[in-house]
Protein backbone atom coordinates (compact mmCIF):
# COMPACT_ATOMS: atom_id res chain seq x y z
CA MET A 1 33.95 -165.13 200.81
CA GLN A 2 31.85 -163.28 198.56
CA GLU A 3 33.70 -160.49 196.79
CA LYS A 4 32.10 -157.02 197.57
CA LYS A 5 29.85 -155.23 194.38
CA TYR A 6 31.05 -151.59 193.36
CA LEU A 7 29.07 -151.27 190.41
CA LYS A 8 25.33 -151.06 189.47
CA TRP A 9 24.05 -152.49 186.04
CA TYR A 10 24.01 -148.82 184.29
CA ASN A 11 27.76 -148.44 185.52
CA LYS A 12 28.43 -151.47 183.68
CA VAL A 13 26.77 -150.28 180.42
CA GLY A 14 27.63 -146.84 180.70
CA TYR A 15 31.57 -148.20 180.99
CA GLY A 16 30.91 -150.36 177.99
CA SER A 17 29.21 -147.90 175.52
CA GLY A 18 32.74 -146.05 175.69
CA ASP A 19 33.82 -148.19 173.12
CA ILE A 20 31.32 -147.25 170.73
CA ALA A 21 33.54 -143.89 171.01
CA GLY A 22 36.84 -145.48 170.41
CA ASN A 23 35.53 -148.04 167.64
CA VAL A 24 34.13 -144.93 165.38
CA VAL A 25 37.65 -144.07 165.19
CA TYR A 26 39.35 -148.13 165.04
CA ALA A 27 36.46 -149.13 162.59
CA LEU A 28 36.54 -146.47 160.07
CA LEU A 29 40.24 -146.37 160.14
CA SER A 30 40.93 -150.39 160.02
CA SER A 31 37.87 -151.22 157.29
CA PHE A 32 38.23 -147.77 155.24
CA VAL A 33 41.08 -145.80 155.52
CA MET A 34 43.63 -148.26 152.53
CA ILE A 35 40.92 -148.03 150.16
CA TYR A 36 39.90 -144.44 150.66
CA LEU A 37 43.45 -143.15 150.29
CA THR A 38 43.91 -145.51 147.04
CA ASN A 39 40.81 -145.61 145.20
CA THR A 40 39.49 -142.26 146.25
CA VAL A 41 42.68 -139.80 146.87
CA GLY A 42 44.89 -141.84 144.41
CA LEU A 43 47.72 -143.02 146.56
CA ASN A 44 49.79 -145.92 146.51
CA ALA A 45 48.91 -148.63 148.51
CA GLY A 46 52.56 -149.51 149.32
CA ILE A 47 53.47 -145.58 150.05
CA VAL A 48 50.57 -145.82 152.60
CA GLY A 49 51.77 -148.83 153.96
CA THR A 50 55.14 -147.54 154.55
CA LEU A 51 53.94 -144.37 156.14
CA ILE A 52 51.60 -146.03 158.37
CA ALA A 53 54.68 -148.33 159.78
CA ALA A 54 56.69 -145.10 159.85
CA SER A 55 54.24 -143.74 161.97
CA LYS A 56 54.23 -146.88 164.57
CA PHE A 57 57.44 -145.90 165.34
CA PHE A 58 56.17 -142.80 167.45
CA ASP A 59 53.26 -144.96 168.66
CA GLY A 60 55.64 -147.34 170.55
CA ILE A 61 57.17 -144.28 172.51
CA THR A 62 54.31 -142.66 173.20
CA ASP A 63 52.06 -145.71 174.97
CA ILE A 64 54.22 -146.42 177.93
CA PHE A 65 54.82 -142.56 178.74
CA PHE A 66 50.92 -142.03 178.93
CA GLY A 67 50.25 -145.15 180.78
CA THR A 68 52.91 -143.65 183.56
CA MET A 69 51.26 -140.49 183.39
CA ILE A 70 47.89 -141.98 183.97
CA ASP A 71 49.34 -143.48 186.80
CA LYS A 72 51.22 -140.11 188.39
CA THR A 73 47.66 -138.14 187.91
CA LYS A 74 46.13 -137.52 190.84
CA THR A 75 42.42 -135.40 190.15
CA ARG A 76 39.21 -135.08 192.34
CA PHE A 77 37.83 -137.13 188.88
CA GLY A 78 40.63 -139.66 189.60
CA LYS A 79 43.58 -140.98 187.46
CA ALA A 80 41.99 -142.04 184.09
CA ARG A 81 38.97 -139.88 183.80
CA PRO A 82 40.54 -136.75 182.78
CA TRP A 83 42.78 -138.19 180.23
CA MET A 84 39.78 -140.02 178.59
CA LEU A 85 37.54 -137.28 178.18
CA TYR A 86 39.83 -134.37 177.07
CA ALA A 87 42.08 -136.77 174.42
CA TYR A 88 38.97 -137.48 172.33
CA ILE A 89 38.69 -134.12 171.14
CA GLY A 90 41.89 -134.81 169.24
CA CYS A 91 40.92 -137.87 168.35
CA ALA A 92 37.52 -136.52 166.66
CA VAL A 93 39.88 -133.67 164.90
CA THR A 94 42.37 -135.63 163.70
CA LEU A 95 39.89 -138.47 162.20
CA VAL A 96 38.09 -136.11 160.14
CA ALA A 97 41.65 -134.46 158.83
CA ILE A 98 42.35 -137.90 157.67
CA PHE A 99 39.49 -138.49 155.70
CA ALA A 100 39.23 -134.76 154.49
CA ILE A 101 42.59 -134.70 152.28
CA PRO A 102 42.72 -131.86 149.87
CA ALA A 103 42.47 -132.50 146.45
CA ASN A 104 44.21 -129.75 145.00
CA LEU A 105 47.28 -130.62 147.17
CA GLY A 106 50.11 -132.36 145.36
CA LYS A 107 51.19 -136.29 145.78
CA THR A 108 53.96 -135.38 148.29
CA SER A 109 51.64 -133.04 150.34
CA GLN A 110 48.81 -135.41 150.69
CA TYR A 111 51.30 -137.79 151.43
CA ALA A 112 52.48 -135.71 154.60
CA TRP A 113 48.80 -134.55 155.26
CA PHE A 114 48.02 -138.11 155.71
CA PHE A 115 51.42 -139.12 157.96
CA ILE A 116 50.94 -136.12 160.39
CA ALA A 117 47.24 -136.78 161.01
CA TYR A 118 47.31 -140.28 161.07
CA THR A 119 50.17 -139.89 163.73
CA LEU A 120 48.86 -137.48 165.91
CA LEU A 121 45.33 -139.33 166.11
CA ASN A 122 47.17 -142.56 166.80
CA ALA A 123 50.32 -141.92 168.69
CA VAL A 124 49.04 -139.03 170.94
CA PHE A 125 45.21 -138.53 171.30
CA TYR A 126 43.89 -142.69 170.52
CA THR A 127 46.73 -143.55 172.79
CA ALA A 128 46.26 -141.60 175.96
CA ASN A 129 41.99 -141.88 175.66
CA ASN A 130 42.38 -145.77 175.37
CA ILE A 131 44.89 -146.58 178.11
CA ALA A 132 42.87 -144.43 180.11
CA TYR A 133 39.52 -146.01 179.36
CA SER A 134 41.40 -149.60 179.69
CA ALA A 135 42.28 -148.64 183.36
CA LEU A 136 39.24 -148.06 184.51
CA THR A 137 38.78 -151.55 184.66
CA ALA A 138 41.20 -151.68 187.19
CA LEU A 139 40.28 -148.76 188.76
CA VAL A 140 36.61 -148.54 189.42
CA THR A 141 36.42 -151.79 191.06
CA LYS A 142 37.95 -154.42 192.87
CA ASN A 143 35.91 -157.67 191.94
CA GLY A 144 36.74 -159.84 189.74
CA LYS A 145 33.37 -160.53 188.37
CA GLU A 146 32.49 -157.01 187.55
CA ARG A 147 35.80 -156.87 185.80
CA VAL A 148 34.93 -159.59 183.23
CA GLN A 149 31.04 -158.19 183.10
CA MET A 150 32.79 -154.63 182.22
CA GLY A 151 34.88 -156.51 179.61
CA SER A 152 31.82 -158.13 178.10
CA TYR A 153 29.71 -155.43 177.46
CA ARG A 154 32.53 -153.34 176.42
CA PHE A 155 32.99 -155.15 173.60
CA ILE A 156 29.32 -155.86 173.11
CA PHE A 157 29.39 -152.39 172.12
CA ALA A 158 32.40 -152.16 170.18
CA PHE A 159 31.65 -155.31 167.78
CA ALA A 160 28.28 -153.81 167.25
CA THR A 161 29.80 -150.47 166.40
CA SER A 162 32.11 -151.99 164.03
CA LEU A 163 29.63 -153.92 162.54
CA LEU A 164 27.12 -150.74 161.82
CA ILE A 165 30.31 -149.00 160.45
CA GLN A 166 31.25 -151.83 158.60
CA SER A 167 27.42 -152.09 157.06
CA VAL A 168 26.49 -148.44 156.33
CA THR A 169 29.49 -146.83 155.75
CA VAL A 170 29.85 -147.80 152.24
CA ARG A 171 26.53 -146.70 151.22
CA ALA A 172 26.57 -143.79 153.59
CA VAL A 173 29.38 -142.33 151.56
CA SER A 174 27.51 -142.61 148.33
CA VAL A 175 24.21 -141.22 149.67
CA LEU A 176 26.26 -138.10 150.87
CA GLY A 177 27.60 -137.36 147.86
CA GLY A 178 30.13 -140.03 146.90
CA GLY A 179 33.77 -139.66 146.19
CA ALA A 180 35.96 -137.49 148.95
CA SER A 181 33.23 -135.14 149.77
CA GLY A 182 31.05 -138.31 151.02
CA TRP A 183 34.15 -139.66 153.07
CA ARG A 184 34.71 -136.27 154.76
CA ALA A 185 30.91 -135.96 155.56
CA VAL A 186 31.01 -139.54 157.08
CA ALA A 187 33.81 -139.08 159.22
CA VAL A 188 32.42 -135.53 160.99
CA ILE A 189 29.23 -137.07 161.79
CA TYR A 190 31.39 -140.54 163.07
CA ALA A 191 33.48 -137.86 164.93
CA LEU A 192 30.61 -136.21 166.70
CA ILE A 193 28.88 -139.43 167.88
CA GLY A 194 32.21 -140.42 169.08
CA LEU A 195 32.40 -137.19 171.06
CA ALA A 196 29.14 -137.11 172.97
CA VAL A 197 29.16 -141.24 173.64
CA ASN A 198 32.70 -140.93 175.01
CA THR A 199 31.87 -138.03 177.58
CA VAL A 200 28.81 -140.09 178.66
CA SER A 201 30.91 -143.21 179.25
CA VAL A 202 33.41 -140.70 181.36
CA PHE A 203 30.77 -139.96 184.00
CA SER A 204 29.00 -142.96 183.91
CA VAL A 205 31.67 -144.50 186.60
CA LYS A 206 33.76 -143.21 189.46
CA GLU A 207 37.02 -144.38 190.13
CA LEU A 208 38.06 -145.89 193.68
CA SER A 209 40.29 -144.06 196.06
CA GLU A 210 44.17 -144.65 196.34
CA GLU A 211 43.12 -146.20 199.55
CA GLU A 212 41.15 -148.30 198.46
CA LEU A 213 42.82 -149.65 195.32
CA ALA A 214 45.80 -150.30 198.08
CA GLU A 215 43.56 -153.00 200.08
CA GLU A 216 42.75 -155.19 196.87
CA THR A 217 45.99 -157.07 197.56
CA ALA A 218 47.63 -155.78 200.49
CA GLY A 219 44.50 -156.34 202.74
CA ALA A 220 42.22 -159.57 202.97
CA LEU A 221 43.35 -161.60 199.91
CA THR A 222 46.96 -161.90 201.49
CA GLY A 223 46.32 -161.67 205.02
CA ASN A 224 47.98 -158.53 205.29
CA GLN A 225 51.56 -159.74 204.50
CA TYR A 226 52.53 -157.59 201.95
CA PRO A 227 54.63 -154.51 202.51
CA LYS A 228 52.78 -150.83 201.98
CA GLU A 229 52.54 -150.22 198.16
CA GLU A 230 54.99 -147.85 196.75
CA ASP A 231 53.20 -144.38 195.44
CA GLY A 232 53.24 -144.67 191.76
CA GLU A 233 55.11 -141.13 191.81
CA ASN A 234 58.37 -143.29 193.00
CA TYR A 235 59.17 -144.67 189.75
CA ASN A 236 59.90 -143.08 186.13
CA LEU A 237 59.29 -144.01 182.92
CA LEU A 238 62.34 -146.19 182.31
CA GLU A 239 61.52 -148.32 185.66
CA ALA A 240 57.88 -148.55 184.38
CA GLY A 241 59.10 -150.14 181.36
CA LYS A 242 61.34 -152.48 183.58
CA LEU A 243 58.27 -153.24 185.34
CA LEU A 244 56.06 -154.35 182.34
CA ILE A 245 59.16 -156.19 181.05
CA SER A 246 60.08 -158.11 183.93
CA ASN A 247 56.40 -159.56 183.56
CA LYS A 248 56.19 -162.38 181.37
CA TYR A 249 52.62 -162.47 181.18
CA TYR A 250 52.43 -158.32 180.09
CA LEU A 251 54.79 -159.62 177.22
CA MET A 252 51.99 -162.49 176.34
CA ILE A 253 49.21 -160.44 176.29
CA CYS A 254 51.20 -157.86 173.95
CA GLY A 255 51.80 -160.59 171.58
CA VAL A 256 48.44 -161.97 171.63
CA TYR A 257 46.60 -157.97 171.40
CA ILE A 258 49.27 -156.89 168.31
CA LEU A 259 48.24 -160.33 166.64
CA GLN A 260 44.96 -160.20 167.48
CA GLN A 261 45.07 -156.42 165.23
CA ILE A 262 47.16 -157.64 162.65
CA TYR A 263 44.11 -160.41 162.38
CA THR A 264 41.42 -157.88 162.39
CA ALA A 265 43.49 -155.90 159.89
CA MET A 266 43.58 -158.96 157.55
CA ILE A 267 40.44 -159.61 157.91
CA ASN A 268 38.78 -155.99 157.09
CA MET A 269 40.96 -155.92 153.90
CA GLY A 270 38.29 -158.14 152.76
CA ILE A 271 36.87 -155.14 151.02
CA TYR A 272 39.24 -156.05 148.46
CA TYR A 273 38.74 -159.29 148.55
CA MET A 274 35.10 -158.86 148.28
CA THR A 275 35.55 -156.13 145.36
CA TYR A 276 38.17 -157.69 143.35
CA VAL A 277 37.71 -161.51 143.68
CA LEU A 278 33.74 -162.03 144.88
CA LYS A 279 33.06 -158.81 142.57
CA ASN A 280 30.26 -157.84 145.02
CA GLU A 281 31.53 -154.79 147.53
CA ASN A 282 28.26 -155.01 149.18
CA LEU A 283 29.22 -158.75 150.57
CA TYR A 284 31.65 -157.24 153.00
CA GLY A 285 28.71 -155.91 155.21
CA VAL A 286 27.42 -159.24 154.91
CA PHE A 287 30.88 -160.98 156.15
CA SER A 288 30.69 -157.96 158.86
CA TRP A 289 27.57 -159.66 160.05
CA ALA A 290 28.87 -163.25 160.27
CA VAL A 291 31.91 -161.98 162.11
CA ASN A 292 30.35 -159.14 164.85
CA VAL A 293 26.88 -161.00 165.57
CA PRO A 294 28.60 -163.87 166.64
CA LEU A 295 30.73 -162.01 169.00
CA ILE A 296 28.40 -160.18 170.37
CA ILE A 297 26.30 -163.17 171.18
CA THR A 298 29.46 -165.03 172.89
CA LEU A 299 30.24 -161.77 174.84
CA VAL A 300 26.88 -161.89 176.27
CA PHE A 301 27.64 -165.50 177.86
CA THR A 302 31.41 -164.80 178.55
CA PRO A 303 30.91 -163.80 182.21
CA MET A 304 28.71 -167.21 182.67
CA LEU A 305 31.44 -169.66 180.78
CA VAL A 306 33.82 -167.84 183.04
CA ALA A 307 32.38 -168.48 186.16
CA LYS A 308 31.17 -172.00 184.63
CA TRP A 309 34.97 -173.10 183.73
CA LYS A 310 36.28 -171.75 187.23
CA GLY A 311 38.38 -168.94 185.50
CA MET A 312 39.33 -167.80 182.15
CA TYR A 313 42.55 -169.81 180.89
CA LYS A 314 40.86 -173.25 179.39
CA LEU A 315 37.52 -170.92 177.99
CA ASN A 316 40.14 -168.54 175.84
CA LEU A 317 42.30 -171.69 174.70
CA ARG A 318 39.63 -173.65 173.60
CA GLY A 319 38.02 -170.73 172.15
CA TYR A 320 41.16 -170.31 169.82
CA MET A 321 41.35 -173.64 169.15
CA LEU A 322 37.53 -173.37 167.31
CA SER A 323 38.70 -170.08 165.64
CA THR A 324 42.01 -171.86 164.03
CA LEU A 325 39.82 -174.54 162.69
CA GLY A 326 36.84 -172.24 161.81
CA ARG A 327 39.40 -170.07 159.64
CA ALA A 328 40.92 -173.24 158.08
CA LEU A 329 37.67 -174.25 156.94
CA VAL A 330 37.03 -170.78 155.34
CA ILE A 331 39.94 -171.36 153.14
CA VAL A 332 38.52 -174.74 152.04
CA ALA A 333 34.89 -173.00 151.35
CA GLY A 334 36.67 -169.92 149.59
CA TYR A 335 39.06 -172.23 146.83
CA LEU A 336 35.41 -174.10 146.16
CA GLY A 337 33.92 -170.23 145.94
CA ASN A 338 31.11 -171.36 148.08
CA VAL A 339 29.76 -168.08 149.49
CA PRO A 340 27.20 -169.57 152.53
CA LEU A 341 30.16 -172.00 153.61
CA MET A 342 32.58 -168.99 153.98
CA LEU A 343 29.93 -167.06 156.28
CA PHE A 344 29.31 -170.32 158.69
CA PHE A 345 32.52 -170.97 159.45
CA THR A 346 33.83 -167.26 159.45
CA ALA A 347 30.91 -167.40 162.11
CA ALA A 348 32.43 -170.26 164.05
CA ALA A 349 35.62 -168.98 163.99
CA ALA A 350 34.14 -165.56 165.55
CA VAL A 351 32.46 -167.66 168.32
CA GLY A 352 35.97 -168.94 169.28
CA GLN A 353 37.14 -165.34 169.46
CA GLY A 354 34.21 -164.06 171.61
CA PRO A 355 35.52 -165.37 174.92
CA TRP A 356 39.15 -163.57 174.66
CA GLN A 357 37.27 -160.18 173.66
CA GLY A 358 35.04 -160.16 176.56
CA ASP A 359 37.86 -161.50 179.48
CA MET A 360 41.07 -159.73 178.24
CA ASN A 361 40.49 -156.41 180.51
CA ALA A 362 40.20 -158.83 183.37
CA VAL A 363 43.54 -160.96 182.38
CA ILE A 364 45.24 -157.41 182.11
CA ALA A 365 43.65 -156.58 185.62
CA SER A 366 45.49 -160.11 186.72
CA CYS A 367 48.51 -159.27 185.25
CA SER A 368 48.70 -155.70 186.56
CA GLU A 369 48.25 -157.97 190.10
CA TYR A 370 50.95 -160.23 189.21
CA THR A 371 53.27 -157.27 189.07
CA TYR A 372 52.33 -155.98 192.47
CA LEU A 373 52.23 -159.57 194.05
CA THR A 374 56.13 -159.84 192.62
CA LYS A 375 57.31 -156.12 192.10
CA LYS A 376 54.92 -154.72 194.92
CA LYS A 377 54.12 -151.90 192.42
CA ARG A 378 50.90 -151.03 191.52
CA VAL A 379 50.77 -149.77 187.78
CA ASP A 380 47.62 -150.05 186.56
CA GLY A 381 47.49 -147.27 184.07
CA THR A 382 50.89 -148.47 182.72
CA MET A 383 49.87 -152.26 182.45
CA TYR A 384 46.98 -151.48 180.08
CA SER A 385 49.34 -149.77 177.61
CA CYS A 386 49.39 -152.98 175.85
CA THR A 387 45.91 -152.46 174.96
CA SER A 388 46.77 -149.03 173.04
CA LEU A 389 50.20 -150.61 172.26
CA GLY A 390 48.34 -153.73 170.61
CA VAL A 391 45.61 -151.52 168.54
CA LYS A 392 48.00 -149.28 167.05
CA LEU A 393 51.04 -151.84 166.31
CA GLY A 394 49.04 -154.66 165.28
CA SER A 395 46.45 -152.68 162.96
CA GLY A 396 48.78 -150.36 162.00
CA LEU A 397 51.53 -153.18 160.99
CA GLY A 398 48.45 -155.42 159.44
CA THR A 399 46.98 -152.49 157.12
CA ALA A 400 51.26 -151.89 156.24
CA VAL A 401 51.96 -155.38 155.00
CA ALA A 402 48.78 -155.59 153.09
CA GLY A 403 49.19 -152.41 151.69
CA TRP A 404 52.90 -153.59 150.67
CA LEU A 405 51.55 -156.90 149.59
CA LEU A 406 48.78 -155.01 147.40
CA ALA A 407 51.58 -153.04 145.86
CA ALA A 408 53.76 -155.90 145.24
CA SER A 409 51.01 -157.57 143.38
CA GLY A 410 50.52 -154.86 140.82
CA PHE A 411 46.99 -153.43 142.47
CA ASP A 412 46.08 -150.09 140.86
CA GLY A 413 43.30 -148.25 142.90
CA THR A 414 42.14 -146.49 139.43
CA ALA A 415 42.14 -149.39 137.66
CA SER A 416 38.68 -151.55 137.21
CA VAL A 417 40.26 -154.98 136.19
CA GLN A 418 43.34 -156.08 138.61
CA PRO A 419 46.14 -158.68 137.23
CA GLU A 420 45.97 -162.50 138.36
CA TYR A 421 48.74 -161.91 140.57
CA CYS A 422 47.10 -159.29 142.39
CA ILE A 423 43.94 -161.05 142.57
CA SER A 424 45.79 -164.38 144.03
CA MET A 425 47.48 -161.92 146.60
CA MET A 426 44.13 -160.75 147.98
CA ARG A 427 43.06 -164.35 148.50
CA PHE A 428 46.57 -165.00 150.25
CA ILE A 429 45.39 -161.68 152.51
CA TYR A 430 42.22 -162.76 153.33
CA LEU A 431 42.10 -166.66 153.14
CA TRP A 432 45.22 -167.70 154.84
CA LEU A 433 47.00 -164.93 157.09
CA PRO A 434 43.98 -164.84 159.16
CA MET A 435 44.22 -168.87 159.70
CA VAL A 436 47.87 -168.48 160.43
CA ILE A 437 47.50 -165.48 162.99
CA SER A 438 44.80 -167.41 164.74
CA PHE A 439 46.91 -170.29 165.49
CA ALA A 440 49.96 -168.62 166.61
CA ILE A 441 47.42 -166.68 169.00
CA MET A 442 46.46 -170.40 170.21
CA VAL A 443 50.02 -171.27 171.05
CA ILE A 444 50.32 -168.13 173.23
CA LEU A 445 47.10 -168.65 175.01
CA SER A 446 48.11 -172.30 175.99
CA LYS A 447 51.08 -170.59 178.12
CA MET A 448 49.04 -167.20 179.50
CA ASN A 449 47.83 -168.94 182.73
CA VAL A 450 48.55 -165.82 184.80
CA GLU A 451 45.35 -166.75 187.04
CA GLU A 452 46.78 -170.10 188.41
CA ALA A 453 50.09 -167.61 188.84
CA ASN A 454 48.60 -165.43 191.29
CA ALA A 455 46.92 -167.86 193.26
CA LYS A 456 50.03 -169.86 193.98
CA LEU A 457 52.16 -166.54 194.76
CA LYS A 458 49.14 -165.68 197.36
CA ILE A 459 49.28 -169.12 198.99
CA SER A 460 53.07 -168.89 199.39
CA ARG A 461 52.49 -165.34 201.11
CA SER A 462 49.52 -166.05 203.53
């Protein structure tokens, strides 16, 4: 039986463009906040890493909170869209604040300024915006193929934005005056772009009614064998947490998402590797092309590949097998000093990661369905807290670890030449850690066949 279609092509494209706004924040922070703080503001990489890690304590509290709040929200615009719209205003303000640390403040005040702005951005505004945005995948359509397509469009925009920001930011900072004023001007421009695109994305889709959503599993798919879904207002924050923890696939997805963001944080430390090891900071933009262009191309074909492989499980697993092999060969090419080979194997690893990037939102939707099938509660907004949780914990922890490792190796952002031990540490961060993380993700994905689990549950209840 063919699934009903809910979205036009422009709804999918409009939704996907929302990740331009998200990655204006994410790409700028993950790629450049550390080098801005160490080389422009003159802060210590280890202390910055510690502040970022401390900030994650607050992030862990707010993810499930905002997910639960979204589930409880009832407005004429839906559950998620109001949160997505208004939270981004805070994202824009705090993004600019992070890259506008006053030079005349004392060091302690500069650390405090960064910590407050960074925590507000990640723990409050980005959390609310990102969870709401991700939850829309399950709230605007019940069609599995459309959900995969939404994820593909989303991450095409995401990686295209990351590519653009990683390619032009260093030069843009220089053109706009360099130093602190250049970074501040770039942050203002990116924040305004993000505000505009986020608004367009919010109004490009319309959420389904609660009645329509309730029919997704309780109706045709199961022969009306399930009792009526309990209202989202009947569970509190603690109960929502228990629902998530009881879902093993949610825990797996959280693990993968966190590892994936740590991986990205290590790759983004390539700005140090290019500057001090390869002696050419402009190569960072070149390697960004080797990562993002293959990802974008793969995302275009992900819906077709999911259909051909009759599901997401095998495609995601074998993709990460390729990714792990590619990163292992990047290590070999790196020690050979062969930049073209490094670029080639970097691209191969990115191709392997593409399917998961494209269909992860659909996997989370299936994970949410698993909770409904086993617990009779719909927790779409809360379930998508894993996306925000993963982005913040993973990227924050990754950046923090990199900062600690750099500080331990004797890195000094004000020095033109770094000690040999520091150079070796940069190789470890950029070459070895991504391969280890990719292998760990592959192992988790080998056990994440939520589609099969859902199918068995439906059959047992039919």
